[in-house]
Amino acid sequence: MASYDPYQPGQQFPPPVDPAYPPSAPIPQYAVQPYATQPYAAYGAQPYPMLRTSGLAVAGMVIGILALIGFWIPIADLLLGFLAIGLSWAGIVQCGKPGYSGKGMAIAGLVCGIIGVIPAIVIMLFFFGLAAAAGACGVAC
């Protein structure tokens, strides 16, 4: 083996030879495969059926949020709360049928309606208690 001096210009670097490994075989070249066609229909067609959001679920959630916000209005909040509970319950039933979505919104409306009705009942009982106490004893009590 000839010695290699890196400081000599024009002298080529000898390739390393490892006697333990034979030279490798050339890598075979494969033909380029074309892309496969898409498994779904043409542009514009939906690969799955469209789901409609239940309008009852949306209405129950919106009215439930309004009932939750306006719990301090005695009679109106009871109406809103019970309306939200009814609409949300109907939305849950409707979402059980095929083709409808929005069950989470219906559950949220049901919870908001229930949570809005409970303090409305407490506040309404408080107001009726005050009115009964004022009526029994008069203004001078």
Protein backbone atom coordinates (compact mmCIF):
# COMPACT_ATOMS: atom_id res chain seq x y z
CA MET A 1 0.00 0.00 0.00
CA ALA A 2 1.34 3.35 -0.95
CA SER A 3 1.57 6.03 1.64
CA TYR A 4 -0.65 9.04 1.27
CA ASP A 5 0.56 12.54 2.00
CA PRO A 6 -2.29 15.06 2.25
CA TYR A 7 0.11 17.98 1.77
CA GLN A 8 1.17 16.91 -1.71
CA PRO A 9 -1.05 18.49 -4.39
CA GLY A 10 -2.03 16.21 -7.23
CA GLN A 11 -1.77 13.07 -5.17
CA GLN A 12 -5.09 11.20 -5.09
CA PHE A 13 -6.61 9.72 -2.00
CA PRO A 14 -6.67 5.94 -2.22
CA PRO A 15 -10.10 4.33 -1.71
CA PRO A 16 -10.40 2.38 1.53
CA VAL A 17 -10.49 -1.36 1.09
CA ASP A 18 -11.88 -3.61 3.77
CA PRO A 19 -10.90 -7.20 3.09
CA ALA A 20 -13.59 -8.56 5.48
CA TYR A 21 -16.53 -7.44 3.29
CA PRO A 22 -16.96 -8.27 -0.38
CA PRO A 23 -18.03 -5.45 -2.71
CA SER A 24 -21.77 -4.88 -2.70
CA ALA A 25 -24.05 -5.75 -5.59
CA PRO A 26 -25.59 -2.90 -7.57
CA ILE A 27 -28.98 -1.68 -6.34
CA PRO A 28 -31.77 -2.72 -8.75
CA GLN A 29 -33.82 0.11 -10.20
CA TYR A 30 -37.61 -0.29 -10.12
CA ALA A 31 -40.13 1.22 -12.48
CA VAL A 32 -42.17 4.14 -11.14
CA GLN A 33 -45.67 3.03 -10.22
CA PRO A 34 -48.56 5.32 -11.24
CA TYR A 35 -50.81 6.70 -8.51
CA ALA A 36 -53.85 4.64 -7.67
CA THR A 37 -57.27 6.10 -8.38
CA GLN A 38 -59.23 7.65 -5.54
CA PRO A 39 -61.64 5.27 -3.77
CA TYR A 40 -64.52 7.76 -3.73
CA ALA A 41 -66.69 9.37 -6.35
CA ALA A 42 -65.90 12.39 -8.48
CA TYR A 43 -65.52 15.96 -7.29
CA GLY A 44 -68.59 17.33 -5.54
CA ALA A 45 -70.05 14.03 -4.40
CA GLN A 46 -70.03 13.30 -0.69
CA PRO A 47 -68.43 10.01 0.42
CA TYR A 48 -70.74 9.84 3.45
CA PRO A 49 -74.34 10.90 4.06
CA MET A 50 -74.88 14.42 5.33
CA LEU A 51 -76.11 14.80 8.92
CA ARG A 52 -78.56 17.54 9.81
CA THR A 53 -78.21 19.32 13.13
CA SER A 54 -81.36 19.05 15.18
CA GLY A 55 -83.12 22.40 15.36
CA LEU A 56 -84.76 21.35 18.62
CA ALA A 57 -81.34 20.77 20.15
CA VAL A 58 -80.07 24.18 19.04
CA ALA A 59 -83.22 25.94 20.29
CA GLY A 60 -83.06 24.07 23.61
CA MET A 61 -79.44 25.06 24.12
CA VAL A 62 -80.02 28.74 23.28
CA ILE A 63 -83.09 29.00 25.52
CA GLY A 64 -81.27 27.05 28.26
CA ILE A 65 -78.43 29.57 28.19
CA LEU A 66 -80.96 32.42 28.38
CA ALA A 67 -82.63 30.69 31.35
CA LEU A 68 -79.25 30.31 33.02
CA ILE A 69 -78.44 33.98 32.54
CA GLY A 70 -81.86 35.30 33.59
CA PHE A 71 -82.44 33.16 36.69
CA TRP A 72 -83.29 36.27 38.72
CA ILE A 73 -86.44 37.03 36.68
CA PRO A 74 -89.05 35.02 38.63
CA ILE A 75 -91.82 33.91 36.25
CA ALA A 76 -90.11 34.40 32.87
CA ASP A 77 -87.17 32.25 33.90
CA LEU A 78 -89.41 29.39 34.91
CA LEU A 79 -91.05 29.53 31.50
CA LEU A 80 -87.66 29.70 29.75
CA GLY A 81 -86.23 26.92 31.90
CA PHE A 82 -89.11 24.50 31.36
CA LEU A 83 -89.18 25.36 27.65
CA ALA A 84 -85.44 24.65 27.43
CA ILE A 85 -85.89 21.34 29.24
CA GLY A 86 -88.71 20.30 26.88
CA LEU A 87 -86.95 21.36 23.69
CA SER A 88 -83.68 19.77 24.75
CA TRP A 89 -85.42 16.52 25.64
CA ALA A 90 -87.13 16.50 22.24
CA GLY A 91 -83.73 17.26 20.65
CA ILE A 92 -82.17 14.26 22.39
CA VAL A 93 -84.98 12.05 21.09
CA GLN A 94 -84.61 13.50 17.58
CA CYS A 95 -80.83 12.97 17.62
CA GLY A 96 -81.42 9.30 18.32
CA LYS A 97 -82.98 8.97 14.86
CA PRO A 98 -80.69 8.39 11.86
CA GLY A 99 -79.59 11.49 9.97
CA TYR A 100 -79.56 13.93 12.89
CA SER A 101 -76.69 15.26 14.98
CA GLY A 102 -76.45 17.72 17.87
CA LYS A 103 -76.94 15.47 20.87
CA GLY A 104 -74.24 17.38 22.80
CA MET A 105 -76.07 20.67 22.28
CA ALA A 106 -79.31 19.07 23.46
CA ILE A 107 -77.61 17.77 26.62
CA ALA A 108 -76.07 21.21 27.23
CA GLY A 109 -79.51 22.84 26.86
CA LEU A 110 -81.03 20.30 29.26
CA VAL A 111 -78.35 20.95 31.88
CA CYS A 112 -78.59 24.74 31.47
CA GLY A 113 -82.38 24.59 31.72
CA ILE A 114 -82.29 22.51 34.91
CA ILE A 115 -79.60 24.67 36.48
CA GLY A 116 -81.57 27.81 35.50
CA VAL A 117 -84.87 26.53 36.98
CA ILE A 118 -83.51 25.62 40.43
CA PRO A 119 -82.42 29.14 41.52
CA ALA A 120 -85.51 30.61 39.83
CA ILE A 121 -87.72 28.47 42.08
CA VAL A 122 -85.72 29.51 45.17
CA ILE A 123 -85.94 33.21 44.27
CA MET A 124 -89.65 32.90 43.43
CA LEU A 125 -90.35 31.26 46.79
CA PHE A 126 -88.41 34.07 48.47
CA PHE A 127 -90.49 36.73 46.68
CA PHE A 128 -93.76 34.96 47.48
CA GLY A 129 -92.65 34.63 51.09
CA LEU A 130 -91.95 38.36 51.24
CA ALA A 131 -95.30 39.14 49.64
CA ALA A 132 -97.13 36.85 52.09
CA ALA A 133 -95.33 38.37 55.06
CA ALA A 134 -96.08 41.89 53.88
CA GLY A 135 -99.73 41.04 53.22
CA ALA A 136 -100.34 39.32 56.57
CA CYS A 137 -98.85 42.01 58.73
CA GLY A 138 -99.42 45.10 56.64
CA VAL A 139 -96.99 47.82 55.77
CA ALA A 140 -96.33 48.82 59.38
CA CYS A 141 -94.65 45.54 60.45
